[in-house]
Amino acid sequence: MSGFDLIIFDCDGVLVDSEIIAAQVESRLLTEAGYPISVEEMGERFAGMTWKNILLQVEQEADIPLSASLLDKSEKLLDQRLERSVKIIDGVKFALSRLTTQRCICSNSSSHRLDMMLTKVGLKPYFENHIYSAKDLGPDRVKPKPDIFLHGAKQFGVEPDRCLVIEDSTHGIHGARTAGMRVVGFTGASHTYPSHADRLTDAGAETVISRMSDLPAVIAALGEWGGI
């Protein structure tokens, strides 16, 4: 139906509404460590980044030595919050039920966290075993590097230019575009902000949607159009 051979979904902020929970946990930890930052600013500045890379960037910007214990502390707190509170993005099951193209998930989250979140919201059957974590590829291979997207395409034997990626972050879009893939931006999660759509477009998204129920029609239209 689409003109694509593979649809690649990010997970956090695209399939599950987890970015806002991460922003709440991480803003509190950074504020307590001497770097005051609001939940809104966390979402706007750091959505799509790993906690490790966020800490490295904060250390460079503010010249504040951040304890290595913050890495483990955040992971534990966030897993607890996600297991208790994460919800599916509205319209995801509708969209997935209408897509006939092969699909997979390519995420910066750990395999453990992906399994927990997708099980909780009932999405694992839609992707079977095609759920990939950049952290499983080795150190420092997370988005915005293209590695996880290329890995996903390789599992299906699909060329990058036949893939369409659904992403909510500029980091993810940069990675997908570097991989040679086309991208749809998504702004329908709770961490969205006023300039979100513009930033995704500037990063390389061909179009941006705020309702996941619009995705099947958009994929069909982009497949017929043939790209930029």
Protein backbone atom coordinates (compact mmCIF):
# COMPACT_ATOMS: atom_id res chain seq x y z
CA MET A 1 0.00 0.00 0.00
CA SER A 2 2.86 2.38 0.68
CA GLY A 3 5.65 2.25 -1.86
CA PHE A 4 8.04 1.44 1.00
CA ASP A 5 9.53 -1.92 1.92
CA LEU A 6 9.97 -1.22 5.64
CA ILE A 7 8.44 1.17 8.19
CA ILE A 8 10.77 1.85 11.13
CA PHE A 9 9.24 3.19 14.33
CA ASP A 10 11.05 4.90 17.14
CA CYS A 11 9.49 3.83 20.45
CA ASP A 12 9.70 6.56 23.10
CA GLY A 13 7.41 9.44 22.20
CA VAL A 14 6.12 7.64 19.09
CA LEU A 15 4.55 4.39 20.27
CA VAL A 16 4.53 4.98 24.02
CA ASP A 17 4.16 8.26 25.91
CA SER A 18 7.37 7.80 27.86
CA GLU A 19 9.43 10.91 27.08
CA ILE A 20 7.40 13.06 29.48
CA ILE A 21 8.04 10.57 32.30
CA ALA A 22 11.77 10.55 31.53
CA ALA A 23 11.79 14.36 31.53
CA GLN A 24 10.11 14.43 34.96
CA VAL A 25 12.59 12.00 36.51
CA GLU A 26 15.68 13.50 34.91
CA SER A 27 14.78 17.15 35.56
CA ARG A 28 14.41 16.37 39.27
CA LEU A 29 17.76 14.57 39.43
CA LEU A 30 19.59 17.34 37.57
CA THR A 31 18.00 20.05 39.69
CA GLU A 32 19.00 18.22 42.87
CA ALA A 33 22.55 17.91 41.49
CA GLY A 34 22.86 21.67 41.03
CA TYR A 35 21.60 22.15 37.46
CA PRO A 36 18.07 23.58 37.72
CA ILE A 37 16.00 22.63 34.68
CA SER A 38 12.26 22.32 34.12
CA VAL A 39 10.41 19.31 32.77
CA GLU A 40 9.47 21.36 29.70
CA GLU A 41 13.07 22.32 28.99
CA MET A 42 14.18 18.71 29.39
CA GLY A 43 11.70 17.65 26.73
CA GLU A 44 12.63 20.45 24.37
CA ARG A 45 16.41 20.12 24.68
CA PHE A 46 17.10 16.47 25.36
CA ALA A 47 14.25 14.32 24.00
CA GLY A 48 15.67 11.35 22.14
CA MET A 49 19.06 11.46 23.89
CA THR A 50 20.35 8.81 26.25
CA TRP A 51 20.71 9.79 29.92
CA LYS A 52 24.47 9.25 29.66
CA ASN A 53 24.76 11.72 26.80
CA ILE A 54 22.53 14.21 28.60
CA LEU A 55 24.85 14.09 31.63
CA LEU A 56 27.91 14.55 29.42
CA GLN A 57 26.37 17.58 27.72
CA VAL A 58 25.31 19.16 31.02
CA GLU A 59 28.81 18.66 32.43
CA GLN A 60 30.32 20.38 29.41
CA GLU A 61 27.87 23.30 29.45
CA ALA A 62 27.79 24.01 33.16
CA ASP A 63 31.17 22.70 34.30
CA ILE A 64 29.38 20.72 37.01
CA PRO A 65 30.86 17.32 37.88
CA LEU A 66 27.93 14.93 37.95
CA SER A 67 28.17 11.77 40.02
CA ALA A 68 28.41 8.51 38.10
CA SER A 69 25.78 7.19 40.50
CA LEU A 70 23.23 9.37 38.70
CA LEU A 71 23.41 6.96 35.77
CA ASP A 72 22.16 3.99 37.77
CA LYS A 73 19.84 6.07 39.94
CA SER A 74 17.98 7.45 36.95
CA GLU A 75 17.66 4.06 35.27
CA LYS A 76 16.10 2.49 38.36
CA LEU A 77 13.74 5.38 39.07
CA LEU A 78 12.68 5.63 35.45
CA ASP A 79 12.03 1.91 35.08
CA GLN A 80 9.83 2.05 38.19
CA ARG A 81 7.87 5.02 36.88
CA LEU A 82 7.48 3.59 33.40
CA GLU A 83 6.32 0.21 34.64
CA ARG A 84 3.69 1.95 36.73
CA SER A 85 2.58 4.79 34.47
CA VAL A 86 3.57 4.50 30.79
CA LYS A 87 0.68 4.63 28.32
CA ILE A 88 0.29 3.94 24.63
CA ILE A 89 0.15 6.89 22.23
CA ASP A 90 -3.42 7.46 21.05
CA GLY A 91 -4.10 6.00 17.61
CA VAL A 92 -1.10 3.66 17.47
CA LYS A 93 -3.06 0.41 17.32
CA PHE A 94 -5.39 1.92 14.71
CA ALA A 95 -2.41 2.89 12.54
CA LEU A 96 -0.60 -0.43 12.95
CA SER A 97 -3.72 -2.42 12.13
CA ARG A 98 -3.96 -0.65 8.77
CA LEU A 99 -0.35 -0.97 7.70
CA THR A 100 0.51 -3.96 5.55
CA THR A 101 4.18 -3.04 5.07
CA GLN A 102 6.89 -4.79 7.10
CA ARG A 103 7.69 -2.91 10.31
CA CYS A 104 10.18 -2.81 13.14
CA ILE A 105 11.23 -0.70 16.13
CA CYS A 106 14.65 0.98 16.31
CA SER A 107 15.19 2.67 19.66
CA ASN A 108 17.84 4.11 21.95
CA SER A 109 16.13 2.46 24.93
CA SER A 110 17.51 -0.78 26.34
CA SER A 111 16.02 -4.09 25.26
CA HIS A 112 14.82 -4.66 28.83
CA ARG A 113 12.95 -1.35 28.92
CA LEU A 114 11.49 -1.84 25.45
CA ASP A 115 10.18 -5.26 26.42
CA MET A 116 8.65 -3.91 29.62
CA MET A 117 6.94 -0.91 27.98
CA LEU A 118 5.67 -2.71 24.89
CA THR A 119 4.34 -5.58 27.00
CA LYS A 120 2.54 -3.17 29.31
CA VAL A 121 0.73 -1.35 26.48
CA GLY A 122 0.07 -4.48 24.39
CA LEU A 123 2.22 -3.65 21.35
CA LYS A 124 4.69 -6.53 21.25
CA PRO A 125 2.50 -8.73 18.97
CA TYR A 126 2.49 -6.00 16.32
CA PHE A 127 6.28 -6.21 15.94
CA GLU A 128 7.02 -9.85 16.89
CA ASN A 129 10.80 -10.18 17.25
CA HIS A 130 11.66 -7.09 15.24
CA ILE A 131 12.43 -4.81 18.19
CA TYR A 132 15.97 -3.44 18.15
CA SER A 133 17.95 -1.46 20.72
CA ALA A 134 20.94 0.67 19.71
CA LYS A 135 22.52 -0.20 23.06
CA ASP A 136 22.80 -3.84 21.94
CA LEU A 137 25.04 -2.82 19.03
CA GLY A 138 27.86 -1.70 21.29
CA PRO A 139 29.09 1.41 23.09
CA ASP A 140 28.42 4.82 21.56
CA ARG A 141 26.28 3.61 18.67
CA VAL A 142 23.04 5.30 19.73
CA LYS A 143 21.14 7.94 17.76
CA PRO A 144 21.97 10.41 16.26
CA LYS A 145 24.33 7.87 14.73
CA PRO A 146 22.63 5.93 11.92
CA ASP A 147 23.73 2.47 13.14
CA ILE A 148 20.45 1.25 14.61
CA PHE A 149 18.45 2.23 11.52
CA LEU A 150 20.90 0.48 9.21
CA HIS A 151 20.79 -2.55 11.51
CA GLY A 152 17.00 -2.65 11.29
CA ALA A 153 16.99 -2.44 7.51
CA LYS A 154 19.64 -5.16 7.28
CA GLN A 155 17.46 -7.61 9.22
CA PHE A 156 14.88 -7.40 6.44
CA GLY A 157 17.32 -7.17 3.52
CA VAL A 158 15.87 -3.75 2.64
CA GLU A 159 17.84 -0.86 1.14
CA PRO A 160 17.82 2.33 3.24
CA ASP A 161 16.09 4.38 0.54
CA ARG A 162 13.15 1.96 0.71
CA CYS A 163 12.65 2.65 4.43
CA LEU A 164 10.42 5.22 6.12
CA VAL A 165 11.18 6.20 9.73
CA ILE A 166 8.70 7.64 12.24
CA GLU A 167 10.53 9.86 14.76
CA ASP A 168 9.72 12.46 17.41
CA SER A 169 13.23 13.84 18.02
CA THR A 170 15.75 15.79 15.99
CA HIS A 171 18.44 13.35 17.09
CA GLY A 172 16.49 10.44 15.65
CA ILE A 173 15.75 12.29 12.43
CA HIS A 174 19.42 13.17 11.95
CA GLY A 175 20.29 9.49 12.39
CA ALA A 176 17.66 8.32 9.93
CA ARG A 177 18.61 10.89 7.32
CA THR A 178 22.29 10.01 7.70
CA ALA A 179 21.27 6.41 7.07
CA GLY A 180 19.67 7.49 3.79
CA MET A 181 16.08 7.00 4.91
CA ARG A 182 12.98 9.15 4.59
CA VAL A 183 11.32 10.42 7.76
CA VAL A 184 7.92 11.44 9.11
CA GLY A 185 8.06 13.56 12.26
CA PHE A 186 5.60 13.02 15.10
CA THR A 187 4.50 15.58 17.72
CA GLY A 188 1.56 13.82 19.38
CA ALA A 189 3.17 12.81 22.68
CA SER A 190 2.92 14.72 25.95
CA HIS A 191 6.45 16.17 25.77
CA THR A 192 5.72 18.21 22.64
CA TYR A 193 6.44 21.96 22.65
CA PRO A 194 5.48 24.96 20.43
CA SER A 195 8.43 24.79 18.01
CA HIS A 196 8.54 20.97 17.92
CA ALA A 197 7.16 20.54 14.39
CA ASP A 198 9.44 23.23 12.96
CA ARG A 199 12.50 21.62 14.51
CA LEU A 200 11.61 18.21 13.13
CA THR A 201 11.13 19.70 9.66
CA ASP A 202 14.42 21.56 9.89
CA ALA A 203 16.13 18.30 10.91
CA GLY A 204 14.91 16.57 7.75
CA ALA A 205 11.37 15.27 8.24
CA GLU A 206 9.40 15.43 5.00
CA THR A 207 6.17 16.05 6.88
CA VAL A 208 5.05 16.14 10.51
CA ILE A 209 1.91 14.66 12.03
CA SER A 210 0.41 15.14 15.48
CA ARG A 211 -2.13 12.30 15.29
CA MET A 212 -0.98 8.73 14.82
CA SER A 213 -4.30 7.89 13.18
CA ASP A 214 -3.17 10.01 10.21
CA LEU A 215 -0.08 7.87 9.60
CA PRO A 216 -1.47 5.27 7.15
CA ALA A 217 -2.72 7.94 4.75
CA VAL A 218 0.52 9.92 5.03
CA ILE A 219 2.63 6.82 4.31
CA ALA A 220 0.52 6.05 1.25
CA ALA A 221 0.86 9.63 -0.01
CA LEU A 222 4.62 9.74 0.50
CA GLY A 223 5.02 6.38 -1.22
CA GLU A 224 3.23 7.68 -4.30
CA TRP A 225 5.13 10.96 -4.27
CA GLY A 226 8.55 9.33 -4.29
CA GLY A 227 10.53 11.57 -1.98
CA ILE A 228 12.68 14.65 -2.10
